[in-house]
Structures are given as structure tokens and as C-alpha cells.
Amino acid sequence: MLDPLASFVKQRRRQLQLSQPDLAAKAGVGLRFVRDLEQGKGTLRLDKVNAVLQLFGHEVGPVPVLPLPESE
């Protein structure tokens, strides 16, 4: 299964016709970081992820994944 964040960044970058080096320069992050992000690396700095996402008008936020336990 593809990482949704990695897929989103790669798709948006291509839509804007940016190379990975272009995206890295515009976001102020390293090329290695962009490559790691697009490959779905499990550990990335959140501030750098948000720097990239900001170019697309997005940011990382809390998303529910499991129902909360019922309170007793």
C-alpha cells in the first residue's frame, strides 16, 4: 500500500511541473528530504513536512484513525 502523504506530495509536485530539486529549493529543505518524503520514509521531521505541504496550501494535522473508547 502506498503512503498517502508520499503519494500526495509526488502528485502535487508533478501537477505543478516541479522537479524534486525545484521542490526542495522552494520549500527550503534538502533534496534528500524530498526523496525520503516521496518514498514514504517512516521518520521525517514534521516542520520540514509542513514546509513542503505549505507550498500546496496544506499542513499536517490530527486525523482520527480508531474510534475513541467509550467512557464508563
PDB file of N, CA and C in Angstrom:
ATOM      1  N   MET A   1       0.851  -1.189   0.000  1.00  0.00           N
ATOM      2  CA  MET A   1       0.000   0.000   0.000  1.00  0.00           C
ATOM      3  C   MET A   1       0.891   1.245   0.000  1.00  0.00           C
ATOM      4  N   LEU A   2       0.525   2.203  -0.800  1.00  0.00           N
ATOM      5  CA  LEU A   2       1.303   3.429  -0.881  1.00  0.00           C
ATOM      6  C   LEU A   2       0.988   4.351   0.289  1.00  0.00           C
ATOM      7  N   ASP A   3       1.972   5.086   0.709  1.00  0.00           N
ATOM      8  CA  ASP A   3       1.807   6.070   1.767  1.00  0.00           C
ATOM      9  C   ASP A   3       1.021   7.252   1.195  1.00  0.00           C
ATOM     10  N   PRO A   4      -0.130   7.616   1.817  1.00  0.00           N
ATOM     11  CA  PRO A   4      -0.938   8.705   1.260  1.00  0.00           C
ATOM     12  C   PRO A   4      -0.200  10.045   1.215  1.00  0.00           C
ATOM     13  N   LEU A   5       0.619  10.327   2.207  1.00  0.00           N
ATOM     14  CA  LEU A   5       1.370  11.580   2.215  1.00  0.00           C
ATOM     15  C   LEU A   5       2.379  11.599   1.072  1.00  0.00           C
ATOM     16  N   ALA A   6       3.098  10.512   0.905  1.00  0.00           N
ATOM     17  CA  ALA A   6       4.086  10.416  -0.174  1.00  0.00           C
ATOM     18  C   ALA A   6       3.410  10.574  -1.537  1.00  0.00           C
ATOM     19  N   SER A   7       2.288   9.899  -1.714  1.00  0.00           N
ATOM     20  CA  SER A   7       1.557   9.979  -2.978  1.00  0.00           C
ATOM     21  C   SER A   7       1.047  11.394  -3.235  1.00  0.00           C
ATOM     22  N   PHE A   8       0.534  12.043  -2.196  1.00  0.00           N
ATOM     23  CA  PHE A   8       0.019  13.403  -2.327  1.00  0.00           C
ATOM     24  C   PHE A   8       1.122  14.358  -2.782  1.00  0.00           C
ATOM     25  N   VAL A   9       2.262  14.305  -2.106  1.00  0.00           N
ATOM     26  CA  VAL A   9       3.364  15.223  -2.434  1.00  0.00           C
ATOM     27  C   VAL A   9       3.854  14.979  -3.856  1.00  0.00           C
ATOM     28  N   LYS A  10       4.037  13.736  -4.209  1.00  0.00           N
ATOM     29  CA  LYS A  10       4.533  13.409  -5.543  1.00  0.00           C
ATOM     30  C   LYS A  10       3.540  13.872  -6.618  1.00  0.00           C
ATOM     31  N   GLN A  11       2.257  13.618  -6.389  1.00  0.00           N
ATOM     32  CA  GLN A  11       1.234  14.015  -7.358  1.00  0.00           C
ATOM     33  C   GLN A  11       1.174  15.536  -7.511  1.00  0.00           C
ATOM     34  N   ARG A  12       1.161  16.248  -6.403  1.00  0.00           N
ATOM     35  CA  ARG A  12       1.080  17.711  -6.481  1.00  0.00           C
ATOM     36  C   ARG A  12       2.323  18.303  -7.128  1.00  0.00           C
ATOM     37  N   ARG A  13       3.494  17.752  -6.806  1.00  0.00           N
ATOM     38  CA  ARG A  13       4.739  18.236  -7.407  1.00  0.00           C
ATOM     39  C   ARG A  13       4.680  18.084  -8.923  1.00  0.00           C
ATOM     40  N   ARG A  14       4.205  16.938  -9.368  1.00  0.00           N
ATOM     41  CA  ARG A  14       4.116  16.693 -10.811  1.00  0.00           C
ATOM     42  C   ARG A  14       3.074  17.603 -11.465  1.00  0.00           C
ATOM     43  N   GLN A  15       1.953  17.843 -10.774  1.00  0.00           N
ATOM     44  CA  GLN A  15       0.929  18.739 -11.317  1.00  0.00           C
ATOM     45  C   GLN A  15       1.487  20.138 -11.540  1.00  0.00           C
ATOM     46  N   LEU A  16       2.357  20.566 -10.636  1.00  0.00           N
ATOM     47  CA  LEU A  16       2.969  21.890 -10.745  1.00  0.00           C
ATOM     48  C   LEU A  16       4.220  21.881 -11.618  1.00  0.00           C
ATOM     49  N   GLN A  17       4.524  20.731 -12.197  1.00  0.00           N
ATOM     50  CA  GLN A  17       5.673  20.549 -13.075  1.00  0.00           C
ATOM     51  C   GLN A  17       6.973  20.982 -12.410  1.00  0.00           C
ATOM     52  N   LEU A  18       7.130  20.528 -11.160  1.00  0.00           N
ATOM     53  CA  LEU A  18       8.356  20.805 -10.416  1.00  0.00           C
ATOM     54  C   LEU A  18       9.195  19.536 -10.345  1.00  0.00           C
ATOM     55  N   SER A  19      10.488  19.689 -10.484  1.00  0.00           N
ATOM     56  CA  SER A  19      11.388  18.569 -10.241  1.00  0.00           C
ATOM     57  C   SER A  19      11.583  18.449  -8.730  1.00  0.00           C
ATOM     58  N   GLN A  20      12.131  17.361  -8.299  1.00  0.00           N
ATOM     59  CA  GLN A  20      12.431  17.221  -6.872  1.00  0.00           C
ATOM     60  C   GLN A  20      13.392  18.313  -6.400  1.00  0.00           C
ATOM     61  N   PRO A  21      14.460  18.622  -7.155  1.00  0.00           N
ATOM     62  CA  PRO A  21      15.333  19.721  -6.731  1.00  0.00           C
ATOM     63  C   PRO A  21      14.613  21.068  -6.650  1.00  0.00           C
ATOM     64  N   ASP A  22      13.685  21.318  -7.586  1.00  0.00           N
ATOM     65  CA  ASP A  22      12.910  22.569  -7.550  1.00  0.00           C
ATOM     66  C   ASP A  22      12.052  22.637  -6.291  1.00  0.00           C
ATOM     67  N   LEU A  23      11.370  21.538  -5.976  1.00  0.00           N
ATOM     68  CA  LEU A  23      10.519  21.497  -4.787  1.00  0.00           C
ATOM     69  C   LEU A  23      11.352  21.707  -3.531  1.00  0.00           C
ATOM     70  N   ALA A  24      12.485  21.051  -3.462  1.00  0.00           N
ATOM     71  CA  ALA A  24      13.362  21.196  -2.298  1.00  0.00           C
ATOM     72  C   ALA A  24      13.783  22.651  -2.116  1.00  0.00           C
ATOM     73  N   ALA A  25      14.164  23.302  -3.204  1.00  0.00           N
ATOM     74  CA  ALA A  25      14.611  24.694  -3.131  1.00  0.00           C
ATOM     75  C   ALA A  25      13.472  25.616  -2.700  1.00  0.00           C
ATOM     76  N   LYS A  26      12.296  25.427  -3.271  1.00  0.00           N
ATOM     77  CA  LYS A  26      11.155  26.283  -2.940  1.00  0.00           C
ATOM     78  C   LYS A  26      10.704  26.105  -1.493  1.00  0.00           C
ATOM     79  N   ALA A  27      10.816  24.881  -0.970  1.00  0.00           N
ATOM     80  CA  ALA A  27      10.382  24.597   0.402  1.00  0.00           C
ATOM     81  C   ALA A  27      11.479  24.871   1.428  1.00  0.00           C
ATOM     82  N   GLY A  28      12.698  25.046   0.963  1.00  0.00           N
ATOM     83  CA  GLY A  28      13.804  25.282   1.891  1.00  0.00           C
ATOM     84  C   GLY A  28      14.250  24.030   2.619  1.00  0.00           C
ATOM     85  N   VAL A  29      14.123  22.887   1.935  1.00  0.00           N
ATOM     86  CA  VAL A  29      14.569  21.618   2.507  1.00  0.00           C
ATOM     87  C   VAL A  29      15.563  20.992   1.541  1.00  0.00           C
ATOM     88  N   GLY A  30      16.226  19.959   1.993  1.00  0.00           N
ATOM     89  CA  GLY A  30      17.206  19.299   1.145  1.00  0.00           C
ATOM     90  C   GLY A  30      16.558  18.341   0.151  1.00  0.00           C
ATOM     91  N   LEU A  31      17.270  18.076  -0.923  1.00  0.00           N
ATOM     92  CA  LEU A  31      16.799  17.133  -1.937  1.00  0.00           C
ATOM     93  C   LEU A  31      16.600  15.754  -1.325  1.00  0.00           C
ATOM     94  N   ARG A  32      17.495  15.349  -0.476  1.00  0.00           N
ATOM     95  CA  ARG A  32      17.369  14.034   0.179  1.00  0.00           C
ATOM     96  C   ARG A  32      16.059  13.945   0.951  1.00  0.00           C
ATOM     97  N   PHE A  33      15.673  15.040   1.617  1.00  0.00           N
ATOM     98  CA  PHE A  33      14.424  15.048   2.371  1.00  0.00           C
ATOM     99  C   PHE A  33      13.234  14.837   1.440  1.00  0.00           C
ATOM    100  N   VAL A  34      13.207  15.527   0.307  1.00  0.00           N
ATOM    101  CA  VAL A  34      12.100  15.379  -0.651  1.00  0.00           C
ATOM    102  C   VAL A  34      12.043  13.940  -1.146  1.00  0.00           C
ATOM    103  N   ARG A  35      13.175  13.367  -1.445  1.00  0.00           N
ATOM    104  CA  ARG A  35      13.204  11.969  -1.909  1.00  0.00           C
ATOM    105  C   ARG A  35      12.687  11.027  -0.831  1.00  0.00           C
ATOM    106  N   ASP A  36      13.139  11.226   0.391  1.00  0.00           N
ATOM    107  CA  ASP A  36      12.662  10.397   1.508  1.00  0.00           C
ATOM    108  C   ASP A  36      11.155  10.548   1.704  1.00  0.00           C
ATOM    109  N   LEU A  37      10.660  11.760   1.619  1.00  0.00           N
ATOM    110  CA  LEU A  37       9.237  12.032   1.776  1.00  0.00           C
ATOM    111  C   LEU A  37       8.424  11.315   0.700  1.00  0.00           C
ATOM    112  N   GLU A  38       8.849  11.428  -0.535  1.00  0.00           N
ATOM    113  CA  GLU A  38       8.120  10.812  -1.646  1.00  0.00           C
ATOM    114  C   GLU A  38       8.235   9.296  -1.650  1.00  0.00           C
ATOM    115  N   GLN A  39       9.233   8.754  -0.961  1.00  0.00           N
ATOM    116  CA  GLN A  39       9.378   7.304  -0.874  1.00  0.00           C
ATOM    117  C   GLN A  39       8.678   6.741   0.370  1.00  0.00           C
ATOM    118  N   GLY A  40       8.054   7.621   1.156  1.00  0.00           N
ATOM    119  CA  GLY A  40       7.288   7.164   2.309  1.00  0.00           C
ATOM    120  C   GLY A  40       8.101   6.792   3.519  1.00  0.00           C
ATOM    121  N   LYS A  41       9.261   7.412   3.687  1.00  0.00           N
ATOM    122  CA  LYS A  41      10.087   7.132   4.865  1.00  0.00           C
ATOM    123  C   LYS A  41       9.250   7.334   6.138  1.00  0.00           C
ATOM    124  N   GLY A  42       9.405   6.435   7.077  1.00  0.00           N
ATOM    125  CA  GLY A  42       8.579   6.438   8.276  1.00  0.00           C
ATOM    126  C   GLY A  42       8.910   7.507   9.292  1.00  0.00           C
ATOM    127  N   THR A  43      10.114   8.017   9.270  1.00  0.00           N
ATOM    128  CA  THR A  43      10.512   9.039  10.241  1.00  0.00           C
ATOM    129  C   THR A  43      11.002  10.268   9.503  1.00  0.00           C
ATOM    130  N   LEU A  44      10.236  11.335   9.613  1.00  0.00           N
ATOM    131  CA  LEU A  44      10.577  12.605   8.975  1.00  0.00           C
ATOM    132  C   LEU A  44      10.295  13.739   9.943  1.00  0.00           C
ATOM    133  N   ARG A  45      11.037  14.817   9.825  1.00  0.00           N
ATOM    134  CA  ARG A  45      10.795  15.984  10.682  1.00  0.00           C
ATOM    135  C   ARG A  45       9.507  16.670  10.264  1.00  0.00           C
ATOM    136  N   LEU A  46       8.632  16.839  11.227  1.00  0.00           N
ATOM    137  CA  LEU A  46       7.317  17.408  10.971  1.00  0.00           C
ATOM    138  C   LEU A  46       7.410  18.835  10.440  1.00  0.00           C
ATOM    139  N   ASP A  47       8.345  19.629  10.949  1.00  0.00           N
ATOM    140  CA  ASP A  47       8.470  21.002  10.464  1.00  0.00           C
ATOM    141  C   ASP A  47       8.845  21.035   8.980  1.00  0.00           C
ATOM    142  N   LYS A  48       9.670  20.102   8.558  1.00  0.00           N
ATOM    143  CA  LYS A  48      10.055  20.048   7.147  1.00  0.00           C
ATOM    144  C   LYS A  48       8.913  19.527   6.277  1.00  0.00           C
ATOM    145  N   VAL A  49       8.163  18.552   6.798  1.00  0.00           N
ATOM    146  CA  VAL A  49       6.993  18.069   6.058  1.00  0.00           C
ATOM    147  C   VAL A  49       6.032  19.231   5.832  1.00  0.00           C
ATOM    148  N   ASN A  50       5.785  20.014   6.890  1.00  0.00           N
ATOM    149  CA  ASN A  50       4.878  21.149   6.757  1.00  0.00           C
ATOM    150  C   ASN A  50       5.419  22.221   5.822  1.00  0.00           C
ATOM    151  N   ALA A  51       6.730  22.390   5.763  1.00  0.00           N
ATOM    152  CA  ALA A  51       7.324  23.357   4.835  1.00  0.00           C
ATOM    153  C   ALA A  51       7.013  22.962   3.390  1.00  0.00           C
ATOM    154  N   VAL A  52       7.069  21.667   3.107  1.00  0.00           N
ATOM    155  CA  VAL A  52       6.739  21.185   1.761  1.00  0.00           C
ATOM    156  C   VAL A  52       5.241  21.324   1.515  1.00  0.00           C
ATOM    157  N   LEU A  53       4.431  20.855   2.463  1.00  0.00           N
ATOM    158  CA  LEU A  53       2.979  20.897   2.281  1.00  0.00           C
ATOM    159  C   LEU A  53       2.446  22.321   2.151  1.00  0.00           C
ATOM    160  N   GLN A  54       3.105  23.266   2.792  1.00  0.00           N
ATOM    161  CA  GLN A  54       2.668  24.657   2.741  1.00  0.00           C
ATOM    162  C   GLN A  54       2.660  25.175   1.297  1.00  0.00           C
ATOM    163  N   LEU A  55       3.553  24.683   0.480  1.00  0.00           N
ATOM    164  CA  LEU A  55       3.587  25.090  -0.932  1.00  0.00           C
ATOM    165  C   LEU A  55       2.316  24.683  -1.665  1.00  0.00           C
ATOM    166  N   PHE A  56       1.631  23.656  -1.138  1.00  0.00           N
ATOM    167  CA  PHE A  56       0.401  23.161  -1.748  1.00  0.00           C
ATOM    168  C   PHE A  56      -0.842  23.609  -0.984  1.00  0.00           C
ATOM    169  N   GLY A  57      -0.653  24.514  -0.019  1.00  0.00           N
ATOM    170  CA  GLY A  57      -1.782  25.003   0.752  1.00  0.00           C
ATOM    171  C   GLY A  57      -2.299  24.014   1.776  1.00  0.00           C
ATOM    172  N   HIS A  58      -1.428  23.149   2.285  1.00  0.00           N
ATOM    173  CA  HIS A  58      -1.814  22.134   3.258  1.00  0.00           C
ATOM    174  C   HIS A  58      -0.843  22.120   4.435  1.00  0.00           C
ATOM    175  N   GLU A  59      -1.230  21.413   5.491  1.00  0.00           N
ATOM    176  CA  GLU A  59      -0.332  21.144   6.611  1.00  0.00           C
ATOM    177  C   GLU A  59      -0.765  19.837   7.265  1.00  0.00           C
ATOM    178  N   VAL A  60       0.123  19.247   8.017  1.00  0.00           N
ATOM    179  CA  VAL A  60      -0.181  18.014   8.732  1.00  0.00           C
ATOM    180  C   VAL A  60      -1.061  18.355   9.925  1.00  0.00           C
ATOM    181  N   GLY A  61      -2.043  17.519  10.181  1.00  0.00           N
ATOM    182  CA  GLY A  61      -2.924  17.738  11.322  1.00  0.00           C
ATOM    183  C   GLY A  61      -3.414  16.409  11.871  1.00  0.00           C
ATOM    184  N   PRO A  62      -4.054  16.437  13.039  1.00  0.00           N
ATOM    185  CA  PRO A  62      -4.547  15.198  13.628  1.00  0.00           C
ATOM    186  C   PRO A  62      -5.730  14.640  12.832  1.00  0.00           C
ATOM    187  N   VAL A  63      -5.662  13.354  12.585  1.00  0.00           N
ATOM    188  CA  VAL A  63      -6.704  12.674  11.854  1.00  0.00           C
ATOM    189  C   VAL A  63      -7.110  11.435  12.653  1.00  0.00           C
ATOM    190  N   PRO A  64      -8.390  11.276  12.953  1.00  0.00           N
ATOM    191  CA  PRO A  64      -8.787  10.100  13.730  1.00  0.00           C
ATOM    192  C   PRO A  64      -8.583   8.823  12.924  1.00  0.00           C
ATOM    193  N   VAL A  65      -8.054   7.799  13.575  1.00  0.00           N
ATOM    194  CA  VAL A  65      -7.857   6.517  12.903  1.00  0.00           C
ATOM    195  C   VAL A  65      -8.623   5.380  13.584  1.00  0.00           C
ATOM    196  N   LEU A  66      -8.867   5.504  14.868  1.00  0.00           N
ATOM    197  CA  LEU A  66      -9.614   4.494  15.609  1.00  0.00           C
ATOM    198  C   LEU A  66     -10.723   5.177  16.386  1.00  0.00           C
ATOM    199  N   PRO A  67     -11.836   4.489  16.572  1.00  0.00           N
ATOM    200  CA  PRO A  67     -12.871   5.091  17.410  1.00  0.00           C
ATOM    201  C   PRO A  67     -12.364   5.235  18.841  1.00  0.00           C
ATOM    202  N   LEU A  68     -12.762   6.318  19.478  1.00  0.00           N
ATOM    203  CA  LEU A  68     -12.385   6.522  20.864  1.00  0.00           C
ATOM    204  C   LEU A  68     -13.110   5.513  21.748  1.00  0.00           C
ATOM    205  N   PRO A  69     -12.444   5.031  22.796  1.00  0.00           N
ATOM    206  CA  PRO A  69     -13.120   4.098  23.704  1.00  0.00           C
ATOM    207  C   PRO A  69     -14.275   4.796  24.421  1.00  0.00           C
ATOM    208  N   GLU A  70     -15.323   4.038  24.653  1.00  0.00           N
ATOM    209  CA  GLU A  70     -16.467   4.591  25.358  1.00  0.00           C
ATOM    210  C   GLU A  70     -16.101   4.835  26.820  1.00  0.00           C
ATOM    211  N   SER A  71     -16.529   5.977  27.329  1.00  0.00           N
ATOM    212  CA  SER A  71     -16.242   6.261  28.735  1.00  0.00           C
ATOM    213  C   SER A  71     -17.241   5.513  29.600  1.00  0.00           C
ATOM    214  N   GLU A  72     -16.779   5.096  30.759  1.00  0.00           N
ATOM    215  CA  GLU A  72     -17.631   4.317  31.657  1.00  0.00           C
ATOM    216  C   GLU A  72     -18.306   5.180  32.667  1.00  0.00           C
TER     217      GLU A  72
END
